[in-house]
Amino acid sequence: MATMRFSRAAFGVLALLVSGAAAFQPGAVRQPRCAPTARASWASPPARAFSQRAAVSAMADNNRQSPYEGWPTFVRPDTNGGAIGLTLLGIVLPWGLYSLLVSSGMDSIRVGQIFIVGYVGIGTIAWTLSYVLRVANKDTTYAQQLKEYETAVLEKRLEELDEGEIEALMAEVDKEELS
């Protein structure tokens, strides 16, 4: 009966880990941006050209090539298989090493202490570094939302301009691009 409870509990924990790993997909939450082209059909020609440039720029942002191209699916952190595979690897590898050391004759309590401190310490440091790197690269949700908001504000301001002002701005932008 005890083994039956353990296997149900183990299955429940494994199901929870797999569902959590499947939900964690860095970069997969982004929605394709199509707002710049939605207004382009009725906008004036210079505004339409600006909106089309913004749409092309947005598509280029969404179509970036993954830095994990060529890696096996079960270790790519940007895929479901990678999230599940890396989670299972992070659980099975320390457990297997712990079992190996205990079976070789080391004291199980001492090995457990070393593994708990090491596993939690390394995990905490890795998580903190990943967050600091995301903030430094401006890859946080806030930074992306701020960039989208700024683009929307600029588009709204562009819609409020007269055609003469838009043409003057476009000429100024073209002049700056040439120099």
N, C-alpha and C. Protein backbone atom coordinates (compact mmCIF):
# COMPACT_ATOMS: atom_id res chain seq x y z
N MET A 1 0.82 -1.19 0.00
CA MET A 1 0.00 0.00 0.00
C MET A 1 0.87 1.26 0.00
N ALA A 2 2.00 1.21 0.73
CA ALA A 2 2.89 2.38 0.78
C ALA A 2 3.50 2.66 -0.59
N THR A 3 3.84 1.58 -1.31
CA THR A 3 4.41 1.80 -2.64
C THR A 3 3.37 2.35 -3.59
N MET A 4 2.10 1.98 -3.40
CA MET A 4 1.04 2.50 -4.24
C MET A 4 0.89 4.01 -4.01
N ARG A 5 0.94 4.46 -2.75
CA ARG A 5 0.86 5.89 -2.45
C ARG A 5 2.06 6.61 -3.03
N PHE A 6 3.22 6.02 -2.89
CA PHE A 6 4.42 6.68 -3.40
C PHE A 6 4.35 6.84 -4.91
N SER A 7 3.89 5.80 -5.60
CA SER A 7 3.85 5.90 -7.04
C SER A 7 2.81 6.92 -7.49
N ARG A 8 1.67 7.02 -6.78
CA ARG A 8 0.69 8.05 -7.13
C ARG A 8 1.25 9.44 -6.85
N ALA A 9 1.94 9.58 -5.71
CA ALA A 9 2.53 10.87 -5.38
C ALA A 9 3.62 11.22 -6.39
N ALA A 10 4.44 10.24 -6.74
CA ALA A 10 5.51 10.49 -7.71
C ALA A 10 4.91 10.87 -9.06
N PHE A 11 3.83 10.18 -9.43
CA PHE A 11 3.17 10.51 -10.69
C PHE A 11 2.59 11.92 -10.65
N GLY A 12 2.00 12.30 -9.52
CA GLY A 12 1.44 13.64 -9.37
C GLY A 12 2.51 14.72 -9.45
N VAL A 13 3.65 14.48 -8.79
CA VAL A 13 4.75 15.45 -8.84
C VAL A 13 5.31 15.54 -10.26
N LEU A 14 5.49 14.38 -10.91
CA LEU A 14 6.00 14.38 -12.27
C LEU A 14 5.04 15.10 -13.22
N ALA A 15 3.73 14.87 -13.06
CA ALA A 15 2.75 15.55 -13.90
C ALA A 15 2.79 17.06 -13.67
N LEU A 16 2.97 17.47 -12.41
CA LEU A 16 3.06 18.89 -12.09
C LEU A 16 4.30 19.51 -12.72
N LEU A 17 5.43 18.81 -12.63
CA LEU A 17 6.67 19.32 -13.22
C LEU A 17 6.58 19.42 -14.73
N VAL A 18 5.99 18.41 -15.36
CA VAL A 18 5.87 18.41 -16.81
C VAL A 18 4.94 19.54 -17.26
N SER A 19 3.82 19.72 -16.55
CA SER A 19 2.91 20.80 -16.94
C SER A 19 3.54 22.16 -16.70
N GLY A 20 4.31 22.30 -15.63
CA GLY A 20 5.00 23.56 -15.38
C GLY A 20 6.07 23.81 -16.41
N ALA A 21 6.78 22.76 -16.80
CA ALA A 21 7.83 22.91 -17.81
C ALA A 21 7.23 23.23 -19.16
N ALA A 22 6.07 22.65 -19.46
CA ALA A 22 5.43 22.93 -20.74
C ALA A 22 4.93 24.37 -20.80
N ALA A 23 4.56 24.92 -19.65
CA ALA A 23 4.08 26.30 -19.63
C ALA A 23 5.22 27.29 -19.75
N PHE A 24 6.43 26.88 -19.39
CA PHE A 24 7.58 27.79 -19.43
C PHE A 24 8.25 27.70 -20.78
N GLN A 25 8.03 28.70 -21.61
CA GLN A 25 8.64 28.77 -22.92
C GLN A 25 9.14 30.18 -23.13
N PRO A 26 10.40 30.43 -22.89
CA PRO A 26 10.88 31.79 -23.11
C PRO A 26 10.69 32.22 -24.56
N GLY A 27 10.12 33.36 -24.74
CA GLY A 27 9.94 33.90 -26.08
C GLY A 27 8.72 33.40 -26.81
N ALA A 28 8.02 32.37 -26.29
CA ALA A 28 6.89 31.82 -27.00
C ALA A 28 5.60 32.57 -26.70
N VAL A 29 5.60 33.46 -25.72
CA VAL A 29 4.40 34.16 -25.32
C VAL A 29 4.13 35.35 -26.22
N ARG A 30 5.11 35.80 -26.94
CA ARG A 30 4.97 36.99 -27.78
C ARG A 30 3.91 36.77 -28.85
N GLN A 31 3.07 37.79 -29.01
CA GLN A 31 2.05 37.76 -30.04
C GLN A 31 2.59 38.48 -31.27
N PRO A 32 2.27 38.02 -32.46
CA PRO A 32 2.73 38.74 -33.65
C PRO A 32 2.10 40.13 -33.69
N ARG A 33 2.92 41.11 -34.00
CA ARG A 33 2.44 42.48 -34.03
C ARG A 33 1.88 42.78 -35.42
N CYS A 34 0.60 43.16 -35.46
CA CYS A 34 0.01 43.50 -36.74
C CYS A 34 -0.67 44.86 -36.69
N ALA A 35 -0.55 45.58 -35.58
CA ALA A 35 -1.22 46.87 -35.44
C ALA A 35 -0.75 47.90 -36.46
N PRO A 36 0.56 47.98 -36.79
CA PRO A 36 0.96 49.01 -37.75
C PRO A 36 0.30 48.87 -39.12
N THR A 37 0.03 47.66 -39.57
CA THR A 37 -0.55 47.49 -40.90
C THR A 37 -2.06 47.63 -40.87
N ALA A 38 -2.70 47.58 -39.69
CA ALA A 38 -4.15 47.67 -39.63
C ALA A 38 -4.64 49.05 -40.05
N ARG A 39 -3.87 50.10 -39.77
CA ARG A 39 -4.26 51.46 -40.11
C ARG A 39 -3.77 51.87 -41.50
N ALA A 40 -2.91 51.08 -42.09
CA ALA A 40 -2.25 51.48 -43.33
C ALA A 40 -3.21 51.60 -44.50
N SER A 41 -4.36 50.91 -44.47
CA SER A 41 -5.25 50.92 -45.62
C SER A 41 -5.92 52.27 -45.83
N TRP A 42 -6.18 53.04 -44.79
CA TRP A 42 -6.85 54.32 -44.97
C TRP A 42 -5.94 55.52 -44.69
N ALA A 43 -4.70 55.28 -44.35
CA ALA A 43 -3.77 56.37 -44.04
C ALA A 43 -3.28 57.03 -45.33
N SER A 44 -2.76 58.25 -45.16
CA SER A 44 -2.21 58.96 -46.31
C SER A 44 -0.96 58.23 -46.80
N PRO A 45 -0.51 58.46 -48.04
CA PRO A 45 0.64 57.73 -48.58
C PRO A 45 1.91 57.82 -47.72
N PRO A 46 2.32 59.00 -47.20
CA PRO A 46 3.51 59.01 -46.34
C PRO A 46 3.29 58.23 -45.04
N ALA A 47 2.08 58.37 -44.47
CA ALA A 47 1.79 57.63 -43.24
C ALA A 47 1.77 56.14 -43.52
N ARG A 48 1.23 55.76 -44.69
CA ARG A 48 1.20 54.35 -45.06
C ARG A 48 2.62 53.81 -45.22
N ALA A 49 3.51 54.61 -45.82
CA ALA A 49 4.90 54.18 -45.98
C ALA A 49 5.55 54.01 -44.61
N PHE A 50 5.27 54.94 -43.68
CA PHE A 50 5.82 54.82 -42.32
C PHE A 50 5.29 53.57 -41.64
N SER A 51 3.97 53.31 -41.78
CA SER A 51 3.36 52.13 -41.16
C SER A 51 3.92 50.85 -41.77
N GLN A 52 4.17 50.87 -43.08
CA GLN A 52 4.72 49.69 -43.72
C GLN A 52 6.14 49.44 -43.24
N ARG A 53 6.92 50.53 -43.05
CA ARG A 53 8.27 50.35 -42.50
C ARG A 53 8.21 49.77 -41.10
N ALA A 54 7.26 50.26 -40.28
CA ALA A 54 7.11 49.74 -38.92
C ALA A 54 6.70 48.28 -38.95
N ALA A 55 5.82 47.91 -39.91
CA ALA A 55 5.39 46.51 -40.02
C ALA A 55 6.56 45.61 -40.40
N VAL A 56 7.38 46.07 -41.35
CA VAL A 56 8.54 45.28 -41.77
C VAL A 56 9.51 45.13 -40.61
N SER A 57 9.71 46.22 -39.86
CA SER A 57 10.59 46.16 -38.70
C SER A 57 10.05 45.20 -37.65
N ALA A 58 8.74 45.23 -37.42
CA ALA A 58 8.13 44.32 -36.44
C ALA A 58 8.25 42.88 -36.88
N MET A 59 8.06 42.62 -38.19
CA MET A 59 8.19 41.25 -38.68
C MET A 59 9.63 40.77 -38.56
N ALA A 60 10.59 41.65 -38.76
CA ALA A 60 11.99 41.28 -38.62
C ALA A 60 12.29 40.93 -37.17
N ASP A 61 11.68 41.65 -36.21
CA ASP A 61 11.87 41.34 -34.81
C ASP A 61 11.30 39.97 -34.47
N ASN A 62 10.12 39.65 -35.04
CA ASN A 62 9.47 38.38 -34.72
C ASN A 62 10.13 37.19 -35.42
N ASN A 63 10.84 37.42 -36.52
CA ASN A 63 11.42 36.32 -37.28
C ASN A 63 12.91 36.13 -37.00
N ARG A 64 13.39 36.58 -35.85
CA ARG A 64 14.79 36.37 -35.51
C ARG A 64 15.08 34.88 -35.41
N GLN A 65 16.25 34.52 -35.84
CA GLN A 65 16.63 33.12 -35.78
C GLN A 65 17.03 32.77 -34.35
N SER A 66 16.64 31.60 -33.92
CA SER A 66 16.93 31.16 -32.55
C SER A 66 18.43 30.91 -32.39
N PRO A 67 18.99 31.29 -31.24
CA PRO A 67 20.41 31.01 -31.01
C PRO A 67 20.67 29.53 -30.77
N TYR A 68 19.60 28.75 -30.60
CA TYR A 68 19.74 27.32 -30.33
C TYR A 68 19.51 26.48 -31.58
N GLU A 69 19.60 27.09 -32.75
CA GLU A 69 19.39 26.38 -34.01
C GLU A 69 20.41 25.25 -34.14
N GLY A 70 19.93 24.05 -34.46
CA GLY A 70 20.80 22.91 -34.63
C GLY A 70 20.93 22.06 -33.37
N TRP A 71 20.44 22.53 -32.23
CA TRP A 71 20.48 21.75 -31.00
C TRP A 71 19.37 20.71 -31.02
N PRO A 72 19.56 19.57 -30.35
CA PRO A 72 18.46 18.59 -30.25
C PRO A 72 17.26 19.21 -29.52
N THR A 73 16.06 18.82 -29.90
CA THR A 73 14.85 19.42 -29.35
C THR A 73 14.75 19.27 -27.84
N PHE A 74 15.22 18.17 -27.29
CA PHE A 74 15.03 17.94 -25.85
C PHE A 74 15.97 18.76 -24.98
N VAL A 75 16.90 19.52 -25.54
CA VAL A 75 17.75 20.41 -24.74
C VAL A 75 17.65 21.87 -25.18
N ARG A 76 16.77 22.17 -26.14
CA ARG A 76 16.58 23.57 -26.57
C ARG A 76 15.63 24.26 -25.60
N PRO A 77 16.08 25.27 -24.87
CA PRO A 77 15.20 25.92 -23.91
C PRO A 77 14.04 26.69 -24.52
N ASP A 78 14.04 26.93 -25.83
CA ASP A 78 12.95 27.67 -26.45
C ASP A 78 11.88 26.77 -27.05
N THR A 79 11.87 25.48 -26.69
CA THR A 79 10.84 24.56 -27.17
C THR A 79 10.20 23.85 -25.99
N ASN A 80 9.03 23.27 -26.22
CA ASN A 80 8.38 22.48 -25.16
C ASN A 80 9.23 21.29 -24.77
N GLY A 81 9.78 20.60 -25.75
CA GLY A 81 10.63 19.44 -25.47
C GLY A 81 11.85 19.82 -24.66
N GLY A 82 12.42 20.98 -24.95
CA GLY A 82 13.58 21.44 -24.21
C GLY A 82 13.24 21.78 -22.78
N ALA A 83 12.09 22.43 -22.56
CA ALA A 83 11.67 22.76 -21.20
C ALA A 83 11.46 21.49 -20.39
N ILE A 84 10.81 20.51 -20.99
CA ILE A 84 10.57 19.24 -20.28
C ILE A 84 11.88 18.48 -20.10
N GLY A 85 12.68 18.40 -21.16
CA GLY A 85 13.94 17.65 -21.09
C GLY A 85 14.91 18.25 -20.09
N LEU A 86 15.06 19.57 -20.09
CA LEU A 86 15.99 20.20 -19.15
C LEU A 86 15.49 20.10 -17.71
N THR A 87 14.17 20.15 -17.51
CA THR A 87 13.61 19.98 -16.17
C THR A 87 13.89 18.57 -15.67
N LEU A 88 13.63 17.58 -16.51
CA LEU A 88 13.90 16.20 -16.09
C LEU A 88 15.40 15.97 -15.88
N LEU A 89 16.23 16.56 -16.73
CA LEU A 89 17.68 16.44 -16.56
C LEU A 89 18.12 17.06 -15.24
N GLY A 90 17.53 18.20 -14.89
CA GLY A 90 17.86 18.86 -13.64
C GLY A 90 17.42 18.09 -12.42
N ILE A 91 16.46 17.19 -12.59
CA ILE A 91 16.01 16.35 -11.46
C ILE A 91 16.75 15.03 -11.44
N VAL A 92 16.88 14.38 -12.58
CA VAL A 92 17.46 13.04 -12.64
C VAL A 92 18.97 13.04 -12.43
N LEU A 93 19.68 14.02 -13.00
CA LEU A 93 21.13 14.05 -12.88
C LEU A 93 21.61 14.16 -11.43
N PRO A 94 21.12 15.10 -10.62
CA PRO A 94 21.57 15.13 -9.22
C PRO A 94 21.14 13.89 -8.44
N TRP A 95 19.94 13.39 -8.71
CA TRP A 95 19.48 12.20 -8.02
C TRP A 95 20.38 11.00 -8.35
N GLY A 96 20.74 10.85 -9.61
CA GLY A 96 21.62 9.75 -10.01
C GLY A 96 23.00 9.90 -9.40
N LEU A 97 23.55 11.10 -9.36
CA LEU A 97 24.85 11.32 -8.74
C LEU A 97 24.80 11.06 -7.24
N TYR A 98 23.71 11.48 -6.59
CA TYR A 98 23.52 11.20 -5.16
C TYR A 98 23.50 9.70 -4.92
N SER A 99 22.72 8.98 -5.71
CA SER A 99 22.63 7.52 -5.55
C SER A 99 23.98 6.86 -5.78
N LEU A 100 24.74 7.34 -6.74
CA LEU A 100 26.06 6.78 -7.03
C LEU A 100 27.01 6.99 -5.84
N LEU A 101 27.02 8.18 -5.28
CA LEU A 101 27.90 8.46 -4.15
C LEU A 101 27.51 7.69 -2.90
N VAL A 102 26.21 7.55 -2.65
CA VAL A 102 25.76 6.78 -1.48
C VAL A 102 26.10 5.31 -1.66
N SER A 103 25.92 4.78 -2.86
CA SER A 103 26.23 3.37 -3.09
C SER A 103 27.74 3.10 -3.06
N SER A 104 28.56 4.15 -3.25
CA SER A 104 30.00 3.94 -3.17
C SER A 104 30.52 3.94 -1.74
N GLY A 105 29.65 4.21 -0.76
CA GLY A 105 30.05 4.10 0.63
C GLY A 105 30.07 5.41 1.40
N MET A 106 29.79 6.52 0.79
CA MET A 106 29.76 7.80 1.52
C MET A 106 28.52 7.87 2.40
N ASP A 107 28.60 8.67 3.47
CA ASP A 107 27.49 8.84 4.39
C ASP A 107 26.35 9.56 3.67
N SER A 108 25.16 8.99 3.72
CA SER A 108 24.04 9.55 2.98
C SER A 108 23.62 10.92 3.51
N ILE A 109 23.75 11.15 4.80
CA ILE A 109 23.38 12.45 5.36
C ILE A 109 24.34 13.53 4.86
N ARG A 110 25.63 13.24 4.89
CA ARG A 110 26.62 14.22 4.43
C ARG A 110 26.45 14.50 2.93
N VAL A 111 26.24 13.47 2.13
CA VAL A 111 26.04 13.65 0.70
C VAL A 111 24.76 14.46 0.46
N GLY A 112 23.71 14.19 1.23
CA GLY A 112 22.47 14.94 1.10
C GLY A 112 22.65 16.41 1.41
N GLN A 113 23.41 16.70 2.46
CA GLN A 113 23.67 18.11 2.81
C GLN A 113 24.43 18.82 1.70
N ILE A 114 25.44 18.16 1.18
CA ILE A 114 26.24 18.76 0.11
C ILE A 114 25.36 19.01 -1.13
N PHE A 115 24.54 18.04 -1.47
CA PHE A 115 23.70 18.19 -2.66
C PHE A 115 22.63 19.25 -2.49
N ILE A 116 22.02 19.32 -1.32
CA ILE A 116 20.98 20.32 -1.11
C ILE A 116 21.57 21.73 -1.20
N VAL A 117 22.68 21.95 -0.50
CA VAL A 117 23.31 23.27 -0.53
C VAL A 117 23.80 23.58 -1.95
N GLY A 118 24.43 22.63 -2.59
CA GLY A 118 24.93 22.86 -3.94
C GLY A 118 23.82 23.06 -4.95
N TYR A 119 22.80 22.22 -4.91
CA TYR A 119 21.72 22.29 -5.88
C TYR A 119 20.93 23.59 -5.73
N VAL A 120 20.57 23.91 -4.49
CA VAL A 120 19.81 25.14 -4.25
C VAL A 120 20.68 26.37 -4.52
N GLY A 121 21.94 26.33 -4.09
CA GLY A 121 22.84 27.46 -4.31
C GLY A 121 23.09 27.72 -5.78
N ILE A 122 23.41 26.67 -6.52
CA ILE A 122 23.66 26.83 -7.96
C ILE A 122 22.38 27.27 -8.68
N GLY A 123 21.25 26.69 -8.29
CA GLY A 123 19.98 27.08 -8.91
C GLY A 123 19.63 28.53 -8.65
N THR A 124 19.86 28.99 -7.43
CA THR A 124 19.57 30.39 -7.09
C THR A 124 20.48 31.34 -7.86
N ILE A 125 21.76 31.01 -7.92
CA ILE A 125 22.71 31.85 -8.65
C ILE A 125 22.37 31.87 -10.14
N ALA A 126 22.04 30.71 -10.70
CA ALA A 126 21.70 30.64 -12.13
C ALA A 126 20.44 31.44 -12.43
N TRP A 127 19.42 31.31 -11.58
CA TRP A 127 18.19 32.05 -11.80
C TRP A 127 18.43 33.56 -11.70
N THR A 128 19.19 33.97 -10.70
CA THR A 128 19.49 35.40 -10.53
C THR A 128 20.27 35.94 -11.73
N LEU A 129 21.27 35.19 -12.19
CA LEU A 129 22.05 35.64 -13.35
C LEU A 129 21.19 35.72 -14.61
N SER A 130 20.29 34.76 -14.79
CA SER A 130 19.42 34.81 -15.98
C SER A 130 18.53 36.04 -15.93
N TYR A 131 18.03 36.40 -14.75
CA TYR A 131 17.19 37.58 -14.63
C TYR A 131 18.00 38.85 -14.88
N VAL A 132 19.20 38.92 -14.30
CA VAL A 132 20.05 40.09 -14.49
C VAL A 132 20.39 40.25 -15.97
N LEU A 133 20.69 39.16 -16.65
CA LEU A 133 20.99 39.23 -18.09
C LEU A 133 19.79 39.68 -18.90
N ARG A 134 18.59 39.21 -18.54
CA ARG A 134 17.38 39.65 -19.24
C ARG A 134 17.15 41.14 -19.05
N VAL A 135 17.40 41.63 -17.83
CA VAL A 135 17.23 43.07 -17.58
C VAL A 135 18.28 43.86 -18.34
N ALA A 136 19.53 43.38 -18.33
CA ALA A 136 20.61 44.09 -19.03
C ALA A 136 20.36 44.13 -20.54
N ASN A 137 19.81 43.07 -21.10
CA ASN A 137 19.52 43.02 -22.54
C ASN A 137 18.17 43.62 -22.90
N LYS A 138 17.46 44.12 -21.91
CA LYS A 138 16.12 44.70 -22.08
C LYS A 138 15.19 43.70 -22.76
N ASP A 139 15.20 42.48 -22.26
CA ASP A 139 14.37 41.41 -22.80
C ASP A 139 13.25 41.06 -21.82
N THR A 140 12.89 42.01 -20.95
CA THR A 140 11.81 41.77 -19.99
C THR A 140 10.48 42.13 -20.63
N THR A 141 9.40 41.65 -20.04
CA THR A 141 8.07 41.96 -20.54
C THR A 141 7.82 43.46 -20.48
N TYR A 142 8.25 44.09 -19.40
CA TYR A 142 8.05 45.54 -19.25
C TYR A 142 8.74 46.30 -20.38
N ALA A 143 9.97 45.94 -20.69
CA ALA A 143 10.71 46.64 -21.75
C ALA A 143 10.02 46.45 -23.10
N GLN A 144 9.52 45.26 -23.37
CA GLN A 144 8.82 45.01 -24.63
C GLN A 144 7.51 45.79 -24.69
N GLN A 145 6.77 45.83 -23.57
CA GLN A 145 5.52 46.58 -23.55
C GLN A 145 5.78 48.07 -23.71
N LEU A 146 6.85 48.57 -23.08
CA LEU A 146 7.20 49.98 -23.20
C LEU A 146 7.55 50.33 -24.65
N LYS A 147 8.29 49.44 -25.32
CA LYS A 147 8.64 49.67 -26.72
C LYS A 147 7.39 49.70 -27.60
N GLU A 148 6.45 48.77 -27.37
CA GLU A 148 5.21 48.74 -28.13
C GLU A 148 4.36 49.99 -27.86
N TYR A 149 4.35 50.45 -26.60
CA TYR A 149 3.60 51.65 -26.25
C TYR A 149 4.18 52.87 -26.96
N GLU A 150 5.50 52.98 -26.95
CA GLU A 150 6.14 54.11 -27.63
C GLU A 150 5.84 54.10 -29.12
N THR A 151 5.84 52.93 -29.73
CA THR A 151 5.50 52.82 -31.15
C THR A 151 4.06 53.26 -31.39
N ALA A 152 3.15 52.84 -30.52
CA ALA A 152 1.74 53.22 -30.67
C ALA A 152 1.56 54.72 -30.50
N VAL A 153 2.28 55.32 -29.55
CA VAL A 153 2.18 56.78 -29.35
C VAL A 153 2.69 57.51 -30.59
N LEU A 154 3.82 57.05 -31.14
CA LEU A 154 4.36 57.69 -32.34
C LEU A 154 3.39 57.56 -33.52
N GLU A 155 2.75 56.39 -33.66
CA GLU A 155 1.78 56.21 -34.73
C GLU A 155 0.59 57.13 -34.55
N LYS A 156 0.13 57.29 -33.30
CA LYS A 156 -1.00 58.17 -33.02
C LYS A 156 -0.63 59.63 -33.36
N ARG A 157 0.58 60.03 -32.98
CA ARG A 157 1.03 61.39 -33.30
C ARG A 157 1.14 61.58 -34.81
N LEU A 158 1.59 60.55 -35.50
CA LEU A 158 1.71 60.63 -36.96
C LEU A 158 0.35 60.79 -37.61
N GLU A 159 -0.66 60.11 -37.08
CA GLU A 159 -2.01 60.22 -37.63
C GLU A 159 -2.56 61.63 -37.46
N GLU A 160 -2.14 62.33 -36.40
CA GLU A 160 -2.67 63.67 -36.12
C GLU A 160 -1.99 64.75 -36.96
N LEU A 161 -0.89 64.44 -37.64
CA LEU A 161 -0.18 65.44 -38.43
C LEU A 161 -0.85 65.66 -39.79
N ASP A 162 -0.65 66.86 -40.34
CA ASP A 162 -1.13 67.16 -41.69
C ASP A 162 -0.20 66.49 -42.70
N GLU A 163 -0.68 66.41 -43.96
CA GLU A 163 0.14 65.77 -44.99
C GLU A 163 1.43 66.53 -45.25
N GLY A 164 1.39 67.84 -45.19
CA GLY A 164 2.60 68.65 -45.40
C GLY A 164 3.64 68.41 -44.31
N GLU A 165 3.17 68.31 -43.08
CA GLU A 165 4.10 68.04 -41.97
C GLU A 165 4.70 66.64 -42.09
N ILE A 166 3.88 65.69 -42.52
CA ILE A 166 4.36 64.31 -42.70
C ILE A 166 5.41 64.26 -43.80
N GLU A 167 5.14 64.95 -44.92
CA GLU A 167 6.11 64.96 -46.02
C GLU A 167 7.42 65.61 -45.58
N ALA A 168 7.34 66.68 -44.79
CA ALA A 168 8.55 67.34 -44.29
C ALA A 168 9.33 66.40 -43.37
N LEU A 169 8.61 65.69 -42.51
CA LEU A 169 9.28 64.73 -41.61
C LEU A 169 9.93 63.60 -42.40
N MET A 170 9.21 63.09 -43.41
CA MET A 170 9.76 62.00 -44.22
C MET A 170 11.00 62.46 -44.98
N ALA A 171 10.98 63.70 -45.48
CA ALA A 171 12.16 64.24 -46.17
C ALA A 171 13.33 64.38 -45.21
N GLU A 172 13.03 64.81 -43.98
CA GLU A 172 14.09 64.94 -42.98
C GLU A 172 14.67 63.58 -42.60
N VAL A 173 13.81 62.59 -42.48
CA VAL A 173 14.27 61.24 -42.15
C VAL A 173 15.12 60.68 -43.29
N ASP A 174 14.68 60.87 -44.52
CA ASP A 174 15.45 60.40 -45.67
C ASP A 174 16.81 61.09 -45.74
N LYS A 175 16.83 62.38 -45.42
CA LYS A 175 18.07 63.14 -45.44
C LYS A 175 19.05 62.60 -44.38
N GLU A 176 18.51 62.26 -43.20
CA GLU A 176 19.35 61.71 -42.12
C GLU A 176 19.86 60.32 -42.47
N GLU A 177 19.04 59.53 -43.16
CA GLU A 177 19.47 58.19 -43.56
C GLU A 177 20.59 58.23 -44.58
N LEU A 178 20.58 59.24 -45.46
CA LEU A 178 21.62 59.36 -46.47
C LEU A 178 22.93 59.83 -45.88
N SER A 179 22.87 60.62 -44.82
CA SER A 179 24.13 61.14 -44.25
C SER A 179 24.67 60.30 -43.14
